[in-house]
Amino acid sequence: MSRSVVILRSSGDRLECADDHPNLLTTLEAHNLCVEFQCREGYCGSCRMRLLKGEVDYAETPLAFIQQGEILPCCCKAKGEIEIEL
């Protein structure tokens, strides 16, 4: 099975999602990227960012309001290859 990949729009960097990363925020942190967050549970929306291409899966529907094209990396995982704007 192929791993999910996150492409960063600003740099073009391709980050591989490790199997032991429970969510996208953990993947970004593992690659030393600073993402603002508070709750890590999908309640506050502090980590909200733009999803430019691809799809993500949420284990549970987040409570924070997100608009079309936005994701909460604290509680989602990439499905295949995605592109985001930090």
PDB file of N, CA and C in Angstrom:
ATOM      1  N   MET A   1       0.834  -1.188   0.000  1.00  0.00           N
ATOM      2  CA  MET A   1       0.000   0.000   0.000  1.00  0.00           C
ATOM      3  C   MET A   1       0.876   1.248   0.000  1.00  0.00           C
ATOM      4  N   SER A   2       0.539   2.216  -0.837  1.00  0.00           N
ATOM      5  CA  SER A   2       1.360   3.417  -0.903  1.00  0.00           C
ATOM      6  C   SER A   2       0.990   4.364   0.228  1.00  0.00           C
ATOM      7  N   ARG A   3       1.972   5.072   0.683  1.00  0.00           N
ATOM      8  CA  ARG A   3       1.768   6.025   1.771  1.00  0.00           C
ATOM      9  C   ARG A   3       1.165   7.310   1.238  1.00  0.00           C
ATOM     10  N   SER A   4       0.507   8.016   2.134  1.00  0.00           N
ATOM     11  CA  SER A   4      -0.033   9.329   1.780  1.00  0.00           C
ATOM     12  C   SER A   4       1.104  10.336   1.744  1.00  0.00           C
ATOM     13  N   VAL A   5       0.957  11.329   0.865  1.00  0.00           N
ATOM     14  CA  VAL A   5       1.975  12.358   0.682  1.00  0.00           C
ATOM     15  C   VAL A   5       1.309  13.723   0.781  1.00  0.00           C
ATOM     16  N   VAL A   6       1.986  14.643   1.472  1.00  0.00           N
ATOM     17  CA  VAL A   6       1.518  16.015   1.611  1.00  0.00           C
ATOM     18  C   VAL A   6       2.480  16.913   0.838  1.00  0.00           C
ATOM     19  N   ILE A   7       1.945  17.685  -0.091  1.00  0.00           N
ATOM     20  CA  ILE A   7       2.761  18.637  -0.849  1.00  0.00           C
ATOM     21  C   ILE A   7       2.488  20.029  -0.298  1.00  0.00           C
ATOM     22  N   LEU A   8       3.557  20.755   0.011  1.00  0.00           N
ATOM     23  CA  LEU A   8       3.423  22.115   0.519  1.00  0.00           C
ATOM     24  C   LEU A   8       3.477  23.098  -0.644  1.00  0.00           C
ATOM     25  N   ARG A   9       2.421  23.876  -0.829  1.00  0.00           N
ATOM     26  CA  ARG A   9       2.335  24.805  -1.954  1.00  0.00           C
ATOM     27  C   ARG A   9       3.497  25.797  -1.961  1.00  0.00           C
ATOM     28  N   SER A  10       3.851  26.338  -0.793  1.00  0.00           N
ATOM     29  CA  SER A  10       4.865  27.397  -0.720  1.00  0.00           C
ATOM     30  C   SER A  10       6.244  26.939  -1.184  1.00  0.00           C
ATOM     31  N   SER A  11       6.631  25.716  -0.826  1.00  0.00           N
ATOM     32  CA  SER A  11       7.988  25.250  -1.121  1.00  0.00           C
ATOM     33  C   SER A  11       8.039  24.129  -2.146  1.00  0.00           C
ATOM     34  N   GLY A  12       6.911  23.450  -2.358  1.00  0.00           N
ATOM     35  CA  GLY A  12       6.909  22.289  -3.238  1.00  0.00           C
ATOM     36  C   GLY A  12       7.416  21.032  -2.558  1.00  0.00           C
ATOM     37  N   ASP A  13       7.758  21.135  -1.265  1.00  0.00           N
ATOM     38  CA  ASP A  13       8.251  19.971  -0.525  1.00  0.00           C
ATOM     39  C   ASP A  13       7.179  18.884  -0.483  1.00  0.00           C
ATOM     40  N   ARG A  14       7.635  17.637  -0.550  1.00  0.00           N
ATOM     41  CA  ARG A  14       6.750  16.472  -0.457  1.00  0.00           C
ATOM     42  C   ARG A  14       7.050  15.769   0.856  1.00  0.00           C
ATOM     43  N   LEU A  15       6.051  15.678   1.721  1.00  0.00           N
ATOM     44  CA  LEU A  15       6.207  15.057   3.026  1.00  0.00           C
ATOM     45  C   LEU A  15       5.454  13.734   3.049  1.00  0.00           C
ATOM     46  N   GLU A  16       6.143  12.678   3.433  1.00  0.00           N
ATOM     47  CA  GLU A  16       5.487  11.378   3.526  1.00  0.00           C
ATOM     48  C   GLU A  16       4.842  11.224   4.893  1.00  0.00           C
ATOM     49  N   CYS A  17       3.621  10.729   4.912  1.00  0.00           N
ATOM     50  CA  CYS A  17       2.893  10.488   6.163  1.00  0.00           C
ATOM     51  C   CYS A  17       3.272   9.109   6.674  1.00  0.00           C
ATOM     52  N   ALA A  18       3.840   9.062   7.860  1.00  0.00           N
ATOM     53  CA  ALA A  18       4.219   7.780   8.462  1.00  0.00           C
ATOM     54  C   ALA A  18       2.979   7.071   8.999  1.00  0.00           C
ATOM     55  N   ASP A  19       3.028   5.755   9.019  1.00  0.00           N
ATOM     56  CA  ASP A  19       1.899   4.956   9.502  1.00  0.00           C
ATOM     57  C   ASP A  19       1.543   5.269  10.957  1.00  0.00           C
ATOM     58  N   ASP A  20       2.552   5.665  11.745  1.00  0.00           N
ATOM     59  CA  ASP A  20       2.290   5.923  13.165  1.00  0.00           C
ATOM     60  C   ASP A  20       1.852   7.361  13.448  1.00  0.00           C
ATOM     61  N   HIS A  21       1.666   8.170  12.421  1.00  0.00           N
ATOM     62  CA  HIS A  21       1.149   9.525  12.626  1.00  0.00           C
ATOM     63  C   HIS A  21      -0.376   9.459  12.694  1.00  0.00           C
ATOM     64  N   PRO A  22      -0.964   9.829  13.838  1.00  0.00           N
ATOM     65  CA  PRO A  22      -2.416   9.728  13.985  1.00  0.00           C
ATOM     66  C   PRO A  22      -3.193  10.765  13.176  1.00  0.00           C
ATOM     67  N   ASN A  23      -2.498  11.836  12.751  1.00  0.00           N
ATOM     68  CA  ASN A  23      -3.183  12.888  11.999  1.00  0.00           C
ATOM     69  C   ASN A  23      -2.182  13.721  11.205  1.00  0.00           C
ATOM     70  N   LEU A  24      -2.707  14.620  10.409  1.00  0.00           N
ATOM     71  CA  LEU A  24      -1.875  15.471   9.546  1.00  0.00           C
ATOM     72  C   LEU A  24      -1.002  16.426  10.362  1.00  0.00           C
ATOM     73  N   LEU A  25      -1.510  16.929  11.478  1.00  0.00           N
ATOM     74  CA  LEU A  25      -0.722  17.825  12.332  1.00  0.00           C
ATOM     75  C   LEU A  25       0.551  17.131  12.806  1.00  0.00           C
ATOM     76  N   THR A  26       0.443  15.886  13.212  1.00  0.00           N
ATOM     77  CA  THR A  26       1.606  15.116  13.660  1.00  0.00           C
ATOM     78  C   THR A  26       2.623  14.963  12.534  1.00  0.00           C
ATOM     79  N   THR A  27       2.139  14.730  11.320  1.00  0.00           N
ATOM     80  CA  THR A  27       3.036  14.625  10.162  1.00  0.00           C
ATOM     81  C   THR A  27       3.794  15.934   9.943  1.00  0.00           C
ATOM     82  N   LEU A  28       3.083  17.051   9.988  1.00  0.00           N
ATOM     83  CA  LEU A  28       3.717  18.360   9.788  1.00  0.00           C
ATOM     84  C   LEU A  28       4.745  18.636  10.883  1.00  0.00           C
ATOM     85  N   GLU A  29       4.401  18.313  12.116  1.00  0.00           N
ATOM     86  CA  GLU A  29       5.339  18.514  13.226  1.00  0.00           C
ATOM     87  C   GLU A  29       6.568  17.617  13.085  1.00  0.00           C
ATOM     88  N   ALA A  30       6.384  16.406  12.595  1.00  0.00           N
ATOM     89  CA  ALA A  30       7.504  15.477  12.412  1.00  0.00           C
ATOM     90  C   ALA A  30       8.503  16.000  11.384  1.00  0.00           C
ATOM     91  N   HIS A  31       8.034  16.888  10.496  1.00  0.00           N
ATOM     92  CA  HIS A  31       8.904  17.499   9.490  1.00  0.00           C
ATOM     93  C   HIS A  31       9.310  18.913   9.912  1.00  0.00           C
ATOM     94  N   ASN A  32       9.226  19.190  11.219  1.00  0.00           N
ATOM     95  CA  ASN A  32       9.659  20.461  11.807  1.00  0.00           C
ATOM     96  C   ASN A  32       8.942  21.683  11.265  1.00  0.00           C
ATOM     97  N   LEU A  33       7.661  21.521  10.929  1.00  0.00           N
ATOM     98  CA  LEU A  33       6.863  22.662  10.483  1.00  0.00           C
ATOM     99  C   LEU A  33       6.018  23.145  11.657  1.00  0.00           C
ATOM    100  N   CYS A  34       5.999  24.444  11.847  1.00  0.00           N
ATOM    101  CA  CYS A  34       5.263  25.037  12.950  1.00  0.00           C
ATOM    102  C   CYS A  34       3.835  25.340  12.504  1.00  0.00           C
ATOM    103  N   VAL A  35       2.886  24.710  13.163  1.00  0.00           N
ATOM    104  CA  VAL A  35       1.468  24.918  12.875  1.00  0.00           C
ATOM    105  C   VAL A  35       0.803  25.376  14.165  1.00  0.00           C
ATOM    106  N   GLU A  36       0.063  26.479  14.084  1.00  0.00           N
ATOM    107  CA  GLU A  36      -0.646  26.955  15.272  1.00  0.00           C
ATOM    108  C   GLU A  36      -1.774  25.980  15.601  1.00  0.00           C
ATOM    109  N   PHE A  37      -1.892  25.631  16.869  1.00  0.00           N
ATOM    110  CA  PHE A  37      -2.983  24.767  17.314  1.00  0.00           C
ATOM    111  C   PHE A  37      -3.230  25.032  18.783  1.00  0.00           C
ATOM    112  N   GLN A  38      -4.382  24.587  19.268  1.00  0.00           N
ATOM    113  CA  GLN A  38      -4.667  24.668  20.698  1.00  0.00           C
ATOM    114  C   GLN A  38      -5.205  23.345  21.228  1.00  0.00           C
ATOM    115  N   CYS A  39      -6.239  22.808  20.601  1.00  0.00           N
ATOM    116  CA  CYS A  39      -6.938  21.689  21.225  1.00  0.00           C
ATOM    117  C   CYS A  39      -6.517  20.303  20.742  1.00  0.00           C
ATOM    118  N   ARG A  40      -6.093  20.184  19.500  1.00  0.00           N
ATOM    119  CA  ARG A  40      -5.752  18.887  18.871  1.00  0.00           C
ATOM    120  C   ARG A  40      -6.943  17.946  18.746  1.00  0.00           C
ATOM    121  N   GLU A  41      -8.155  18.470  18.871  1.00  0.00           N
ATOM    122  CA  GLU A  41      -9.339  17.616  18.853  1.00  0.00           C
ATOM    123  C   GLU A  41     -10.399  18.060  17.842  1.00  0.00           C
ATOM    124  N   GLY A  42     -10.155  19.140  17.094  1.00  0.00           N
ATOM    125  CA  GLY A  42     -11.155  19.604  16.139  1.00  0.00           C
ATOM    126  C   GLY A  42     -12.211  20.519  16.723  1.00  0.00           C
ATOM    127  N   TYR A  43     -11.969  21.001  17.957  1.00  0.00           N
ATOM    128  CA  TYR A  43     -12.945  21.880  18.604  1.00  0.00           C
ATOM    129  C   TYR A  43     -12.723  23.356  18.287  1.00  0.00           C
ATOM    130  N   CYS A  44     -11.457  23.793  18.318  1.00  0.00           N
ATOM    131  CA  CYS A  44     -11.187  25.233  18.292  1.00  0.00           C
ATOM    132  C   CYS A  44     -10.991  25.815  16.892  1.00  0.00           C
ATOM    133  N   GLY A  45     -10.459  25.057  15.971  1.00  0.00           N
ATOM    134  CA  GLY A  45     -10.234  25.562  14.618  1.00  0.00           C
ATOM    135  C   GLY A  45      -8.956  26.358  14.446  1.00  0.00           C
ATOM    136  N   SER A  46      -8.102  26.420  15.463  1.00  0.00           N
ATOM    137  CA  SER A  46      -6.860  27.208  15.376  1.00  0.00           C
ATOM    138  C   SER A  46      -5.920  26.723  14.273  1.00  0.00           C
ATOM    139  N   CYS A  47      -5.947  25.443  13.987  1.00  0.00           N
ATOM    140  CA  CYS A  47      -5.003  24.877  13.013  1.00  0.00           C
ATOM    141  C   CYS A  47      -5.533  24.913  11.575  1.00  0.00           C
ATOM    142  N   ARG A  48      -6.702  25.493  11.364  1.00  0.00           N
ATOM    143  CA  ARG A  48      -7.362  25.550  10.045  1.00  0.00           C
ATOM    144  C   ARG A  48      -6.365  25.959   8.945  1.00  0.00           C
ATOM    145  N   MET A  49      -6.403  25.232   7.826  1.00  0.00           N
ATOM    146  CA  MET A  49      -5.568  25.578   6.669  1.00  0.00           C
ATOM    147  C   MET A  49      -6.284  25.195   5.382  1.00  0.00           C
ATOM    148  N   ARG A  50      -5.730  25.663   4.272  1.00  0.00           N
ATOM    149  CA  ARG A  50      -6.345  25.439   2.962  1.00  0.00           C
ATOM    150  C   ARG A  50      -5.897  24.111   2.373  1.00  0.00           C
ATOM    151  N   LEU A  51      -6.864  23.353   1.882  1.00  0.00           N
ATOM    152  CA  LEU A  51      -6.602  22.132   1.125  1.00  0.00           C
ATOM    153  C   LEU A  51      -6.773  22.503  -0.342  1.00  0.00           C
ATOM    154  N   LEU A  52      -5.687  22.443  -1.100  1.00  0.00           N
ATOM    155  CA  LEU A  52      -5.706  22.881  -2.492  1.00  0.00           C
ATOM    156  C   LEU A  52      -6.017  21.749  -3.462  1.00  0.00           C
ATOM    157  N   LYS A  53      -5.542  20.556  -3.136  1.00  0.00           N
ATOM    158  CA  LYS A  53      -5.792  19.382  -3.985  1.00  0.00           C
ATOM    159  C   LYS A  53      -5.899  18.157  -3.107  1.00  0.00           C
ATOM    160  N   GLY A  54      -6.703  17.206  -3.546  1.00  0.00           N
ATOM    161  CA  GLY A  54      -6.813  15.929  -2.851  1.00  0.00           C
ATOM    162  C   GLY A  54      -7.916  15.917  -1.814  1.00  0.00           C
ATOM    163  N   GLU A  55      -7.908  14.853  -1.010  1.00  0.00           N
ATOM    164  CA  GLU A  55      -8.949  14.639  -0.009  1.00  0.00           C
ATOM    165  C   GLU A  55      -8.328  14.195   1.302  1.00  0.00           C
ATOM    166  N   VAL A  56      -9.053  14.478   2.387  1.00  0.00           N
ATOM    167  CA  VAL A  56      -8.649  14.009   3.712  1.00  0.00           C
ATOM    168  C   VAL A  56      -9.802  13.220   4.320  1.00  0.00           C
ATOM    169  N   ASP A  57      -9.461  12.391   5.284  1.00  0.00           N
ATOM    170  CA  ASP A  57     -10.437  11.632   6.061  1.00  0.00           C
ATOM    171  C   ASP A  57     -10.431  12.149   7.491  1.00  0.00           C
ATOM    172  N   TYR A  58     -11.608  12.309   8.057  1.00  0.00           N
ATOM    173  CA  TYR A  58     -11.739  12.661   9.471  1.00  0.00           C
ATOM    174  C   TYR A  58     -12.213  11.423  10.216  1.00  0.00           C
ATOM    175  N   ALA A  59     -11.564  11.110  11.334  1.00  0.00           N
ATOM    176  CA  ALA A  59     -12.008  10.001  12.174  1.00  0.00           C
ATOM    177  C   ALA A  59     -13.402  10.320  12.719  1.00  0.00           C
ATOM    178  N   GLU A  60     -13.590  11.574  13.132  1.00  0.00           N
ATOM    179  CA  GLU A  60     -14.886  12.069  13.577  1.00  0.00           C
ATOM    180  C   GLU A  60     -15.083  13.455  12.989  1.00  0.00           C
ATOM    181  N   THR A  61     -16.314  13.834  12.740  1.00  0.00           N
ATOM    182  CA  THR A  61     -16.599  15.155  12.193  1.00  0.00           C
ATOM    183  C   THR A  61     -16.150  16.221  13.193  1.00  0.00           C
ATOM    184  N   PRO A  62     -15.295  17.172  12.744  1.00  0.00           N
ATOM    185  CA  PRO A  62     -14.830  18.212  13.672  1.00  0.00           C
ATOM    186  C   PRO A  62     -15.978  19.130  14.091  1.00  0.00           C
ATOM    187  N   LEU A  63     -15.885  19.653  15.306  1.00  0.00           N
ATOM    188  CA  LEU A  63     -16.898  20.569  15.812  1.00  0.00           C
ATOM    189  C   LEU A  63     -16.646  22.000  15.365  1.00  0.00           C
ATOM    190  N   ALA A  64     -15.384  22.346  15.110  1.00  0.00           N
ATOM    191  CA  ALA A  64     -15.061  23.693  14.645  1.00  0.00           C
ATOM    192  C   ALA A  64     -15.607  23.882  13.231  1.00  0.00           C
ATOM    193  N   PHE A  65     -16.064  25.072  12.939  1.00  0.00           N
ATOM    194  CA  PHE A  65     -16.597  25.379  11.610  1.00  0.00           C
ATOM    195  C   PHE A  65     -15.450  25.479  10.613  1.00  0.00           C
ATOM    196  N   ILE A  66     -15.568  24.749   9.517  1.00  0.00           N
ATOM    197  CA  ILE A  66     -14.593  24.879   8.434  1.00  0.00           C
ATOM    198  C   ILE A  66     -15.351  25.111   7.136  1.00  0.00           C
ATOM    199  N   GLN A  67     -14.810  25.999   6.336  1.00  0.00           N
ATOM    200  CA  GLN A  67     -15.430  26.329   5.064  1.00  0.00           C
ATOM    201  C   GLN A  67     -14.941  25.369   3.987  1.00  0.00           C
ATOM    202  N   GLN A  68     -15.620  25.412   2.847  1.00  0.00           N
ATOM    203  CA  GLN A  68     -15.210  24.610   1.690  1.00  0.00           C
ATOM    204  C   GLN A  68     -13.740  24.898   1.387  1.00  0.00           C
ATOM    205  N   GLY A  69     -12.943  23.862   1.204  1.00  0.00           N
ATOM    206  CA  GLY A  69     -11.533  24.040   0.884  1.00  0.00           C
ATOM    207  C   GLY A  69     -10.630  24.195   2.097  1.00  0.00           C
ATOM    208  N   GLU A  70     -11.192  24.101   3.303  1.00  0.00           N
ATOM    209  CA  GLU A  70     -10.389  24.176   4.517  1.00  0.00           C
ATOM    210  C   GLU A  70     -10.385  22.819   5.219  1.00  0.00           C
ATOM    211  N   ILE A  71      -9.295  22.562   5.937  1.00  0.00           N
ATOM    212  CA  ILE A  71      -9.187  21.332   6.731  1.00  0.00           C
ATOM    213  C   ILE A  71      -8.650  21.672   8.109  1.00  0.00           C
ATOM    214  N   LEU A  72      -8.846  20.756   9.038  1.00  0.00           N
ATOM    215  CA  LEU A  72      -8.262  20.850  10.378  1.00  0.00           C
ATOM    216  C   LEU A  72      -7.249  19.714  10.502  1.00  0.00           C
ATOM    217  N   PRO A  73      -5.967  20.012  10.335  1.00  0.00           N
ATOM    218  CA  PRO A  73      -4.955  18.946  10.350  1.00  0.00           C
ATOM    219  C   PRO A  73      -4.845  18.200  11.670  1.00  0.00           C
ATOM    220  N   CYS A  74      -5.384  18.772  12.751  1.00  0.00           N
ATOM    221  CA  CYS A  74      -5.284  18.093  14.054  1.00  0.00           C
ATOM    222  C   CYS A  74      -6.131  16.832  14.113  1.00  0.00           C
ATOM    223  N   CYS A  75      -7.097  16.714  13.212  1.00  0.00           N
ATOM    224  CA  CYS A  75      -8.013  15.568  13.322  1.00  0.00           C
ATOM    225  C   CYS A  75      -8.330  14.920  11.980  1.00  0.00           C
ATOM    226  N   CYS A  76      -7.452  15.112  10.996  1.00  0.00           N
ATOM    227  CA  CYS A  76      -7.668  14.448   9.706  1.00  0.00           C
ATOM    228  C   CYS A  76      -6.379  13.795   9.231  1.00  0.00           C
ATOM    229  N   LYS A  77      -6.544  12.905   8.266  1.00  0.00           N
ATOM    230  CA  LYS A  77      -5.414  12.243   7.610  1.00  0.00           C
ATOM    231  C   LYS A  77      -5.546  12.437   6.106  1.00  0.00           C
ATOM    232  N   ALA A  78      -4.429  12.504   5.434  1.00  0.00           N
ATOM    233  CA  ALA A  78      -4.430  12.622   3.976  1.00  0.00           C
ATOM    234  C   ALA A  78      -4.895  11.309   3.354  1.00  0.00           C
ATOM    235  N   LYS A  79      -5.699  11.431   2.300  1.00  0.00           N
ATOM    236  CA  LYS A  79      -6.080  10.256   1.497  1.00  0.00           C
ATOM    237  C   LYS A  79      -5.250  10.323   0.230  1.00  0.00           C
ATOM    238  N   GLY A  80      -4.209   9.522   0.163  1.00  0.00           N
ATOM    239  CA  GLY A  80      -3.336   9.557  -1.020  1.00  0.00           C
ATOM    240  C   GLY A  80      -2.471  10.817  -0.994  1.00  0.00           C
ATOM    241  N   GLU A  81      -2.479  11.533  -2.114  1.00  0.00           N
ATOM    242  CA  GLU A  81      -1.648  12.741  -2.229  1.00  0.00           C
ATOM    243  C   GLU A  81      -2.526  13.978  -2.090  1.00  0.00           C
ATOM    244  N   ILE A  82      -2.098  14.895  -1.224  1.00  0.00           N
ATOM    245  CA  ILE A  82      -2.823  16.165  -1.070  1.00  0.00           C
ATOM    246  C   ILE A  82      -1.847  17.322  -1.202  1.00  0.00           C
ATOM    247  N   GLU A  83      -2.385  18.495  -1.483  1.00  0.00           N
ATOM    248  CA  GLU A  83      -1.584  19.718  -1.502  1.00  0.00           C
ATOM    249  C   GLU A  83      -2.238  20.711  -0.563  1.00  0.00           C
ATOM    250  N   ILE A  84      -1.428  21.315   0.312  1.00  0.00           N
ATOM    251  CA  ILE A  84      -1.957  22.254   1.298  1.00  0.00           C
ATOM    252  C   ILE A  84      -1.204  23.570   1.247  1.00  0.00           C
ATOM    253  N   GLU A  85      -1.829  24.593   1.803  1.00  0.00           N
ATOM    254  CA  GLU A  85      -1.197  25.899   1.967  1.00  0.00           C
ATOM    255  C   GLU A  85      -1.141  26.160   3.463  1.00  0.00           C
ATOM    256  N   LEU A  86       0.073  26.279   3.991  1.00  0.00           N
ATOM    257  CA  LEU A  86       0.229  26.517   5.442  1.00  0.00           C
ATOM    258  C   LEU A  86      -0.093  27.949   5.783  1.00  0.00           C
TER     259      LEU A  86
END
